[in-house]
Amino acid sequence: MSRRQLPHMFRDLQTPVPKHRYALARVLGAAAIAFVLAFGPAKAGSDALFAALKAAETEHAARLIEAEIWEAWVDTAPSDKINALTREAMRKRSQFDFEGARLILNDVVEKAPDYAEGWNQRAFVLFLQQKYDAALSDLDKALALEPRHFGAMSGKARILMGQGRVRLGQKVLREAVALYPFIRERHMLIPLPDDENTEPVGQPL
């Protein structure tokens, strides 16, 4: 599977985090800075980024914000050890050692069951191993913990549509697009039989 074909749910390694945060600061602008001052970094780090993601006017701006959100999701690990294990599993996955990655992530979700990204990353590995039902189960756990995880949503949508459950898959994908209008999988949106007059969602390709 090529990098271009990777599901968006695991695009964390495909979109590098900006090395210079001033690029993101230019994207977010003064409104986000004011939000941080008013509510503090913990809330702002989540809400301000999601608000900016939804309001982004260009694909480039959206990708910068997306990268920060992915990094934040990984860094919600409850300990440095869990963070390190997750990143080691991601490294193994990038080297196509899917079973090695899965074994590490088994440990992660056992030790940190409330860590959404642990479930999401294991879902990716299960997807790559073509264990789709198990991947769906892990994606549901990730979404229960992080309801705005547009990556898990788009991954779930891909699997559901691949299983022929198109209507449900499209529903989940529309939820992802509502959070992230420039999400790559927006090209997968299709009119449903009774939705001919549905307003288009997302941003043009």
Protein backbone atom coordinates (compact mmCIF):
# COMPACT_ATOMS: atom_id res chain seq x y z
CA MET A 1 0.00 0.00 0.00
CA SER A 2 1.45 3.35 -1.01
CA ARG A 3 1.60 6.44 1.17
CA ARG A 4 -1.09 8.04 -1.01
CA GLN A 5 -3.41 5.11 -0.31
CA LEU A 6 -3.09 5.18 3.47
CA PRO A 7 -6.38 5.83 5.27
CA HIS A 8 -6.62 9.25 6.83
CA MET A 9 -7.18 7.79 10.30
CA PHE A 10 -3.45 7.21 10.52
CA ARG A 11 -2.14 10.17 8.59
CA ASP A 12 -0.18 11.26 11.67
CA LEU A 13 3.05 10.04 10.10
CA GLN A 14 2.15 11.34 6.67
CA THR A 15 1.74 14.96 7.76
CA PRO A 16 4.83 16.15 9.65
CA VAL A 17 4.36 18.54 12.51
CA PRO A 18 5.67 22.00 11.61
CA LYS A 19 9.15 22.51 13.03
CA HIS A 20 8.51 26.23 13.44
CA ARG A 21 5.32 26.97 15.34
CA TYR A 22 5.20 30.49 13.96
CA ALA A 23 3.69 28.98 10.80
CA LEU A 24 0.77 27.68 12.80
CA ALA A 25 0.51 30.93 14.74
CA ARG A 26 0.05 32.78 11.46
CA VAL A 27 -2.74 30.39 10.54
CA LEU A 28 -4.57 30.59 13.86
CA GLY A 29 -4.19 34.32 14.32
CA ALA A 30 -5.07 36.60 17.19
CA ALA A 31 -8.42 34.97 17.92
CA ALA A 32 -6.80 31.70 18.93
CA ILE A 33 -4.22 33.52 21.06
CA ALA A 34 -7.04 35.28 22.88
CA PHE A 35 -8.74 31.92 23.41
CA VAL A 36 -5.60 30.51 25.00
CA LEU A 37 -5.34 33.48 27.34
CA ALA A 38 -8.98 33.18 28.33
CA PHE A 39 -9.29 29.44 28.83
CA GLY A 40 -5.78 28.15 29.33
CA PRO A 41 -3.63 25.85 27.19
CA ALA A 42 -5.37 22.54 27.96
CA LYS A 43 -8.78 23.58 26.66
CA ALA A 44 -7.41 25.88 24.00
CA GLY A 45 -5.08 23.23 22.68
CA SER A 46 -8.14 21.24 21.78
CA ASP A 47 -11.01 23.63 21.11
CA ALA A 48 -9.05 26.40 19.41
CA LEU A 49 -7.38 23.97 17.02
CA PHE A 50 -10.66 22.30 16.10
CA ALA A 51 -12.32 25.65 15.56
CA ALA A 52 -9.43 26.73 13.35
CA LEU A 53 -9.52 23.42 11.48
CA LYS A 54 -13.18 23.89 10.64
CA ALA A 55 -12.69 27.51 9.61
CA ALA A 56 -9.48 27.02 7.58
CA GLU A 57 -9.71 28.78 4.23
CA THR A 58 -6.99 26.83 2.43
CA GLU A 59 -5.88 23.23 2.32
CA HIS A 60 -2.37 24.23 3.38
CA ALA A 61 -3.66 25.96 6.50
CA ALA A 62 -5.84 22.97 7.32
CA ARG A 63 -2.90 20.56 7.01
CA LEU A 64 -0.81 22.59 9.47
CA ILE A 65 -3.60 22.50 12.01
CA GLU A 66 -4.29 18.82 11.37
CA ALA A 67 -0.66 17.98 12.10
CA GLU A 68 -0.84 19.74 15.45
CA ILE A 69 -4.01 17.85 16.36
CA TRP A 70 -2.41 14.50 15.51
CA GLU A 71 0.59 15.34 17.65
CA ALA A 72 -1.69 16.38 20.51
CA TRP A 73 -3.61 13.11 20.27
CA VAL A 74 -0.42 11.08 20.58
CA ASP A 75 0.78 13.26 23.45
CA THR A 76 -2.37 12.65 25.51
CA ALA A 77 -0.68 9.43 26.63
CA PRO A 78 -0.98 9.15 30.42
CA SER A 79 2.76 8.63 30.88
CA ASP A 80 6.04 9.05 29.07
CA LYS A 81 6.33 5.26 28.89
CA ILE A 82 2.99 4.88 27.11
CA ASN A 83 3.92 7.72 24.76
CA ALA A 84 7.23 6.04 23.96
CA LEU A 85 5.58 2.65 23.40
CA THR A 86 3.03 4.20 21.05
CA ARG A 87 5.70 5.94 19.03
CA GLU A 88 7.76 2.74 18.88
CA ALA A 89 4.72 0.90 17.54
CA MET A 90 4.24 3.64 14.94
CA ARG A 91 7.89 3.25 13.94
CA LYS A 92 7.50 -0.51 13.54
CA ARG A 93 4.35 -0.01 11.52
CA SER A 94 6.12 2.43 9.20
CA GLN A 95 8.73 -0.30 8.64
CA PHE A 96 5.94 -2.80 7.79
CA ASP A 97 6.45 -4.79 11.00
CA PHE A 98 2.71 -4.90 11.58
CA GLU A 99 2.73 -7.81 14.02
CA GLY A 100 5.47 -6.21 16.10
CA ALA A 101 3.48 -2.98 16.20
CA ARG A 102 0.30 -4.81 17.17
CA LEU A 103 1.99 -6.59 20.07
CA ILE A 104 3.26 -3.29 21.45
CA LEU A 105 -0.14 -1.68 21.06
CA ASN A 106 -1.77 -4.62 22.83
CA ASP A 107 0.36 -3.61 25.79
CA VAL A 108 -0.55 0.05 25.35
CA VAL A 109 -4.33 -0.48 25.39
CA GLU A 110 -4.06 -2.90 28.31
CA LYS A 111 -2.03 -0.46 30.41
CA ALA A 112 -3.84 2.69 29.22
CA PRO A 113 -7.43 1.76 28.28
CA ASP A 114 -8.50 5.41 28.42
CA TYR A 115 -5.90 6.51 25.86
CA ALA A 116 -7.81 7.04 22.62
CA GLU A 117 -4.78 7.10 20.35
CA GLY A 118 -3.67 3.69 21.57
CA TRP A 119 -6.91 2.21 20.26
CA ASN A 120 -6.73 4.24 17.05
CA GLN A 121 -3.17 3.18 16.30
CA ARG A 122 -3.97 -0.48 16.96
CA ALA A 123 -6.97 -0.15 14.65
CA PHE A 124 -4.61 0.96 11.89
CA VAL A 125 -2.42 -2.09 12.35
CA LEU A 126 -5.46 -4.37 12.37
CA PHE A 127 -6.67 -2.66 9.19
CA LEU A 128 -3.33 -3.30 7.53
CA GLN A 129 -3.58 -6.93 8.63
CA GLN A 130 -7.05 -7.04 7.03
CA LYS A 131 -8.71 -7.72 10.39
CA TYR A 132 -11.51 -5.30 9.67
CA ASP A 133 -14.03 -6.26 12.36
CA ALA A 134 -11.36 -6.00 15.04
CA ALA A 135 -10.28 -2.65 13.60
CA LEU A 136 -13.87 -1.38 13.77
CA SER A 137 -14.10 -2.41 17.40
CA ASP A 138 -10.94 -0.47 18.24
CA LEU A 139 -12.13 2.56 16.27
CA ASP A 140 -15.37 2.58 18.25
CA LYS A 141 -13.35 2.57 21.47
CA ALA A 142 -11.21 5.45 20.20
CA LEU A 143 -14.31 7.46 19.28
CA ALA A 144 -15.94 6.80 22.64
CA LEU A 145 -12.89 8.38 24.26
CA GLU A 146 -12.31 11.13 21.65
CA PRO A 147 -15.60 11.87 19.84
CA ARG A 148 -13.93 14.43 17.55
CA HIS A 149 -11.34 12.01 16.22
CA PHE A 150 -11.87 12.72 12.53
CA GLY A 151 -9.14 10.21 11.71
CA ALA A 152 -10.97 7.37 13.42
CA MET A 153 -14.20 8.49 11.76
CA SER A 154 -12.72 8.45 8.27
CA GLY A 155 -11.10 5.09 8.91
CA LYS A 156 -14.37 3.66 10.17
CA ALA A 157 -16.15 5.05 7.11
CA ARG A 158 -13.64 3.39 4.78
CA ILE A 159 -14.08 0.01 6.42
CA LEU A 160 -17.87 0.21 6.51
CA MET A 161 -18.08 1.16 2.85
CA GLY A 162 -15.60 -1.58 1.99
CA GLN A 163 -17.96 -4.03 3.70
CA GLY A 164 -20.87 -2.79 1.62
CA ARG A 165 -22.41 -0.78 4.47
CA VAL A 166 -22.40 2.33 2.34
CA ARG A 167 -25.15 4.34 4.01
CA LEU A 168 -23.64 3.98 7.47
CA GLY A 169 -20.16 4.64 6.11
CA GLN A 170 -21.35 7.81 4.41
CA LYS A 171 -23.00 8.97 7.64
CA VAL A 172 -19.74 8.56 9.56
CA LEU A 173 -17.75 10.24 6.79
CA ARG A 174 -20.09 13.24 6.83
CA GLU A 175 -19.45 13.58 10.56
CA ALA A 176 -15.71 13.68 9.84
CA VAL A 177 -16.14 16.27 7.09
CA ALA A 178 -18.22 18.44 9.41
CA LEU A 179 -15.22 18.61 11.74
CA TYR A 180 -12.59 18.84 9.00
CA PRO A 181 -13.94 20.20 5.69
CA PHE A 182 -10.59 19.69 3.91
CA ILE A 183 -10.20 16.06 5.00
CA ARG A 184 -8.69 14.01 2.19
CA GLU A 185 -11.50 11.47 2.18
CA ARG A 186 -14.04 14.15 1.19
CA HIS A 187 -13.73 12.85 -2.37
CA MET A 188 -15.45 9.67 -1.15
CA LEU A 189 -18.72 11.49 -0.41
CA ILE A 190 -21.53 10.37 -2.68
CA PRO A 191 -25.24 11.29 -2.92
CA LEU A 192 -27.37 8.69 -1.18
CA PRO A 193 -30.53 7.43 -2.94
CA ASP A 194 -32.92 9.68 -1.00
CA ASP A 195 -30.45 12.56 -0.64
CA GLU A 196 -30.48 14.01 -4.17
CA ASN A 197 -31.13 17.48 -2.80
CA THR A 198 -28.62 17.28 0.03
CA GLU A 199 -26.44 20.35 0.28
CA PRO A 200 -22.80 19.60 -0.56
CA VAL A 201 -20.42 19.39 2.40
CA GLY A 202 -16.70 19.87 2.72
CA GLN A 203 -14.39 21.84 0.48
CA PRO A 204 -13.89 21.39 -3.28
CA LEU A 205 -11.01 19.19 -4.36
